[in-house]
Amino acid sequence: MASFEELIAEGSEVPVEGWDFSWFAGRASEERPPWGYAGLLAERMAALAGVPGAAALDLQTGGGEVLASIPAGPPLLVATESWPPNVELARRNLGRLGAEVVAMGDELDDLPFADGAFDLVVSRHPVGVRWDEIARVLKPGGTYFSQDVGDGSVRELTEFMMGPLPADDGPNRDPKWSVQDATRAGLEVVDLRQFRGRMEFGDVAAVVVFLRKVVWIVPGFTSERYVDRLRALHEQIEVSGPFLATSVRFLLEARKNG
């Protein structure tokens, strides 16, 4: 069995650009929502394929891995991304679809597109959502479709590393706030589904890679800064088996009427 030091070194060297999680196979697992976001996304994109003038936008595409899985898209397909290493990766992954990848300065900047430009706007696990901008760039009758990370997702790992989190009575990732904000922006929420699933981390290297990749779970994480907590986690896994956490997701679809 690899030592703590060997596992930390391994986890610190794994590339973390993009949203490809294949490295985790056999080392960490996450129960997936039953609705199958990628399949539903492919259906919506395929419905626009070949429709003259149809256009779709994928916000915060990461490395374009999920969007690249669709078999076909509309005549105009655009994706945005703010992290420079992901921009180049997305351009490679989405080249087959002829998609344009637009680099953004920040996820919450105004969208650099005309009013009413898109029939469909999508996003998987957005860091933040500019509902006013989504409503602006959608055509009348257009749809916003997303899968979001819900409130308290992987909280068990966050609190193991950082200690108990303070109670927060303000807006968070509870879907009720998304519904409220979408409605205020003039959109009608037509579908909302929620899911809680099991996550397992089989060794501390998987934890290190996960925290380097999903940076909001433990803000400012480095293996050097959290070495004592990582050692405690390593020892717990050796004694008790995989570290367990909860994945929280919600699916939301909203329509721009008028």
Protein backbone atom coordinates (compact mmCIF):
# COMPACT_ATOMS: atom_id res chain seq x y z
CA MET A 1 0.00 0.00 0.00
CA ALA A 2 1.31 3.46 -0.89
CA SER A 3 2.47 5.67 1.95
CA PHE A 4 0.83 8.97 2.89
CA GLU A 5 3.72 10.89 1.32
CA GLU A 6 3.49 8.91 -1.92
CA LEU A 7 -0.25 9.46 -2.18
CA ILE A 8 0.08 13.21 -1.57
CA ALA A 9 2.80 13.44 -4.22
CA GLU A 10 0.68 11.50 -6.69
CA GLY A 11 -2.40 13.61 -6.08
CA SER A 12 -0.40 16.81 -6.46
CA GLU A 13 0.89 15.87 -9.93
CA VAL A 14 -2.36 14.88 -11.69
CA PRO A 15 -3.44 17.48 -14.30
CA VAL A 16 -6.71 19.15 -13.29
CA GLU A 17 -7.74 21.20 -16.32
CA GLY A 18 -11.14 20.47 -17.82
CA TRP A 19 -13.96 18.34 -16.37
CA ASP A 20 -12.73 14.87 -17.28
CA PHE A 21 -13.05 12.74 -14.12
CA SER A 22 -11.85 9.46 -15.63
CA TRP A 23 -8.71 9.46 -13.42
CA PHE A 24 -10.91 8.75 -10.39
CA ALA A 25 -12.05 5.34 -11.66
CA GLY A 26 -11.40 2.78 -8.93
CA ARG A 27 -10.34 5.48 -6.44
CA ALA A 28 -13.46 7.60 -5.94
CA SER A 29 -17.07 7.31 -7.00
CA GLU A 30 -20.19 9.45 -7.17
CA GLU A 31 -23.77 8.30 -7.50
CA ARG A 32 -25.31 10.04 -10.50
CA PRO A 33 -28.76 11.67 -10.73
CA PRO A 34 -31.36 9.48 -12.43
CA TRP A 35 -32.32 11.99 -15.10
CA GLY A 36 -29.07 11.79 -17.12
CA TYR A 37 -28.16 15.37 -17.93
CA ALA A 38 -25.94 14.54 -20.91
CA GLY A 39 -28.69 12.54 -22.61
CA LEU A 40 -31.29 15.26 -22.05
CA LEU A 41 -28.83 17.84 -23.35
CA ALA A 42 -28.23 15.77 -26.49
CA GLU A 43 -31.98 15.55 -27.12
CA ARG A 44 -32.42 19.30 -26.88
CA MET A 45 -29.45 20.02 -29.10
CA ALA A 46 -30.55 17.44 -31.69
CA ALA A 47 -33.99 19.07 -31.87
CA LEU A 48 -32.28 22.23 -33.13
CA ALA A 49 -29.98 20.50 -35.62
CA GLY A 50 -30.82 21.50 -39.15
CA VAL A 51 -33.27 24.21 -38.06
CA PRO A 52 -32.38 27.32 -40.08
CA GLY A 53 -31.11 30.11 -37.84
CA ALA A 54 -31.18 28.01 -34.66
CA ALA A 55 -28.51 28.79 -32.08
CA ALA A 56 -27.44 27.39 -28.70
CA LEU A 57 -25.08 28.58 -25.98
CA ASP A 58 -23.25 26.49 -23.35
CA LEU A 59 -22.19 28.65 -20.38
CA GLN A 60 -19.07 27.80 -18.34
CA THR A 61 -18.31 24.81 -20.54
CA GLY A 62 -15.10 23.81 -18.73
CA GLY A 63 -13.09 21.78 -21.22
CA GLY A 64 -16.23 21.20 -23.30
CA GLU A 65 -16.36 17.54 -22.31
CA VAL A 66 -20.11 17.33 -21.72
CA LEU A 67 -21.09 19.43 -24.73
CA ALA A 68 -18.72 17.39 -26.91
CA SER A 69 -20.78 14.29 -26.12
CA ILE A 70 -23.81 15.46 -28.16
CA PRO A 71 -24.14 13.83 -31.59
CA ALA A 72 -25.27 17.03 -33.31
CA GLY A 73 -25.97 20.65 -32.59
CA PRO A 74 -27.73 23.63 -34.18
CA PRO A 75 -26.26 25.65 -37.05
CA LEU A 76 -24.72 28.04 -34.51
CA LEU A 77 -23.19 26.54 -31.38
CA VAL A 78 -21.28 28.74 -28.92
CA ALA A 79 -19.62 28.01 -25.56
CA THR A 80 -18.10 30.31 -22.95
CA GLU A 81 -15.27 29.62 -20.50
CA SER A 82 -13.22 31.85 -18.19
CA TRP A 83 -10.21 29.70 -17.19
CA PRO A 84 -7.54 29.99 -19.94
CA PRO A 85 -6.31 26.34 -19.85
CA ASN A 86 -9.92 25.21 -20.28
CA VAL A 87 -10.53 27.57 -23.21
CA GLU A 88 -7.91 25.84 -25.36
CA LEU A 89 -9.05 22.40 -24.23
CA ALA A 90 -12.66 23.25 -25.09
CA ARG A 91 -11.66 24.46 -28.55
CA ARG A 92 -10.01 21.10 -29.22
CA ASN A 93 -12.88 19.07 -27.78
CA LEU A 94 -15.60 21.03 -29.60
CA GLY A 95 -13.90 21.32 -32.96
CA ARG A 96 -15.90 18.36 -34.30
CA LEU A 97 -19.13 20.26 -33.69
CA GLY A 98 -17.87 23.49 -35.25
CA ALA A 99 -18.56 25.31 -31.98
CA GLU A 100 -17.13 28.73 -31.24
CA VAL A 101 -15.53 29.02 -27.79
CA VAL A 102 -15.58 32.53 -26.34
CA ALA A 103 -13.14 33.40 -23.55
CA MET A 104 -14.76 35.30 -20.67
CA GLY A 105 -12.95 37.41 -18.10
CA ASP A 106 -15.24 36.17 -15.31
CA GLU A 107 -18.17 33.76 -15.16
CA LEU A 108 -20.50 36.54 -14.03
CA ASP A 109 -19.53 39.17 -16.60
CA ASP A 110 -22.14 40.43 -19.04
CA LEU A 111 -22.52 38.00 -21.94
CA PRO A 112 -20.95 39.32 -25.18
CA PHE A 113 -23.96 38.40 -27.32
CA ALA A 114 -26.89 40.27 -28.83
CA ASP A 115 -30.37 40.34 -27.33
CA GLY A 116 -32.48 37.36 -28.38
CA ALA A 117 -29.55 35.51 -29.97
CA PHE A 118 -30.18 31.94 -28.74
CA ASP A 119 -32.96 29.36 -28.79
CA LEU A 120 -31.29 27.36 -26.03
CA VAL A 121 -28.88 28.27 -23.24
CA VAL A 122 -27.42 25.44 -21.15
CA SER A 123 -24.96 25.00 -18.31
CA ARG A 124 -23.70 22.10 -16.23
CA HIS A 125 -22.57 22.98 -12.71
CA PRO A 126 -22.30 26.76 -13.21
CA VAL A 127 -20.25 28.62 -10.61
CA GLY A 128 -22.81 31.43 -10.69
CA VAL A 129 -25.82 32.35 -12.82
CA ARG A 130 -26.59 35.75 -14.36
CA TRP A 131 -30.32 35.29 -14.79
CA ASP A 132 -30.77 38.77 -16.24
CA GLU A 133 -28.22 38.04 -18.97
CA ILE A 134 -29.69 34.61 -19.71
CA ALA A 135 -33.13 36.15 -20.14
CA ARG A 136 -31.67 38.87 -22.36
CA VAL A 137 -29.88 36.56 -24.82
CA LEU A 138 -32.73 34.05 -25.11
CA LYS A 139 -35.17 34.35 -27.98
CA PRO A 140 -38.87 34.56 -27.05
CA GLY A 141 -39.91 30.97 -26.44
CA GLY A 142 -36.29 30.00 -25.81
CA THR A 143 -35.18 27.72 -22.98
CA TYR A 144 -32.54 27.67 -20.27
CA PHE A 145 -31.53 24.15 -19.18
CA SER A 146 -29.01 23.34 -16.43
CA GLN A 147 -27.79 20.90 -13.85
CA ASP A 148 -26.51 22.67 -10.74
CA VAL A 149 -24.58 21.74 -7.63
CA GLY A 150 -27.04 21.94 -4.73
CA ASP A 151 -26.68 23.36 -1.25
CA GLY A 152 -24.38 21.39 1.06
CA SER A 153 -22.84 19.21 -1.65
CA VAL A 154 -19.71 17.45 -0.31
CA ARG A 155 -20.18 19.37 2.95
CA GLU A 156 -18.77 16.40 4.89
CA LEU A 157 -15.39 16.83 3.19
CA THR A 158 -15.42 20.61 3.52
CA GLU A 159 -16.06 20.38 7.26
CA PHE A 160 -13.47 17.62 7.75
CA MET A 161 -10.85 19.88 6.20
CA MET A 162 -11.98 23.28 7.49
CA GLY A 163 -14.09 22.60 10.59
CA PRO A 164 -17.83 23.23 11.11
CA LEU A 165 -19.32 25.72 8.69
CA PRO A 166 -21.33 28.64 10.06
CA ALA A 167 -25.07 28.72 9.55
CA ASP A 168 -25.98 30.84 6.53
CA ASP A 169 -29.50 32.20 6.32
CA GLY A 170 -28.84 34.13 3.10
CA PRO A 171 -29.10 32.99 -0.52
CA ASN A 172 -27.09 29.84 -1.26
CA ARG A 173 -27.34 26.91 -3.66
CA ASP A 174 -30.82 25.93 -2.54
CA PRO A 175 -32.86 25.68 -5.77
CA LYS A 176 -35.58 27.90 -4.31
CA TRP A 177 -33.28 30.86 -4.89
CA SER A 178 -32.74 29.85 -8.53
CA VAL A 179 -36.49 29.65 -9.04
CA GLN A 180 -36.94 33.06 -7.43
CA ASP A 181 -34.17 34.70 -9.48
CA ALA A 182 -35.30 33.09 -12.74
CA THR A 183 -38.84 34.33 -12.16
CA ARG A 184 -37.64 37.84 -11.38
CA ALA A 185 -35.71 37.83 -14.66
CA GLY A 186 -38.91 37.06 -16.54
CA LEU A 187 -38.45 33.31 -17.03
CA GLU A 188 -40.98 30.60 -16.21
CA VAL A 189 -39.56 27.53 -14.46
CA VAL A 190 -41.12 24.50 -16.15
CA ASP A 191 -39.10 21.67 -14.55
CA LEU A 192 -37.23 21.28 -11.27
CA ARG A 193 -35.81 18.01 -9.93
CA GLN A 194 -33.53 17.36 -6.95
CA PHE A 195 -31.15 14.54 -6.03
CA ARG A 196 -28.87 13.50 -3.17
CA GLY A 197 -26.34 10.74 -3.84
CA ARG A 198 -23.44 8.93 -2.22
CA MET A 199 -19.79 9.84 -2.81
CA GLU A 200 -16.80 7.74 -1.76
CA PHE A 201 -13.10 8.62 -1.65
CA GLY A 202 -10.91 5.54 -1.50
CA ASP A 203 -7.58 7.20 -0.76
CA VAL A 204 -6.14 10.59 0.10
CA ALA A 205 -4.68 11.06 -3.41
CA ALA A 206 -8.23 11.11 -4.78
CA VAL A 207 -9.16 13.76 -2.20
CA VAL A 208 -6.19 15.92 -3.21
CA VAL A 209 -7.04 15.73 -6.92
CA PHE A 210 -10.72 16.45 -6.22
CA LEU A 211 -9.96 19.50 -4.09
CA ARG A 212 -7.46 20.83 -6.64
CA LYS A 213 -10.02 20.38 -9.40
CA VAL A 214 -13.23 21.48 -7.67
CA VAL A 215 -11.75 24.56 -6.04
CA TRP A 216 -14.85 25.84 -4.23
CA ILE A 217 -15.11 22.80 -1.92
CA VAL A 218 -12.14 24.00 0.17
CA PRO A 219 -11.24 27.53 -1.01
CA GLY A 220 -7.49 28.13 -1.16
CA PHE A 221 -6.69 24.43 -0.83
CA THR A 222 -3.11 23.23 -1.18
CA SER A 223 -1.75 19.94 0.12
CA GLU A 224 0.94 21.86 2.04
CA ARG A 225 -1.58 24.10 3.81
CA TYR A 226 -3.84 21.18 4.77
CA VAL A 227 -1.22 18.51 5.33
CA ASP A 228 -2.33 17.79 8.92
CA ARG A 229 -5.98 17.32 7.95
CA LEU A 230 -4.97 15.20 4.97
CA ARG A 231 -2.88 12.97 7.23
CA ALA A 232 -5.83 12.59 9.59
CA LEU A 233 -8.05 11.69 6.64
CA HIS A 234 -5.50 9.18 5.37
CA GLU A 235 -5.39 7.49 8.77
CA GLN A 236 -9.19 7.41 8.98
CA ILE A 237 -9.47 5.77 5.55
CA GLU A 238 -6.86 3.17 6.51
CA VAL A 239 -8.87 2.24 9.63
CA SER A 240 -12.49 2.71 8.50
CA GLY A 241 -12.47 2.47 4.72
CA PRO A 242 -13.55 5.05 2.12
CA PHE A 243 -14.47 8.57 3.22
CA LEU A 244 -18.18 9.15 2.57
CA ALA A 245 -19.83 12.36 1.45
CA THR A 246 -23.07 13.50 -0.17
CA SER A 247 -23.47 14.81 -3.70
CA VAL A 248 -26.37 17.27 -4.12
CA ARG A 249 -27.69 18.18 -7.58
CA PHE A 250 -30.75 19.82 -9.10
CA LEU A 251 -32.02 19.98 -12.65
CA LEU A 252 -33.76 23.17 -13.77
CA GLU A 253 -35.48 24.17 -16.99
CA ALA A 254 -36.95 27.62 -17.57
CA ARG A 255 -38.65 29.21 -20.57
CA LYS A 256 -38.74 32.77 -21.85
CA ASN A 257 -42.33 33.45 -22.78
CA GLY A 258 -43.59 36.14 -25.12
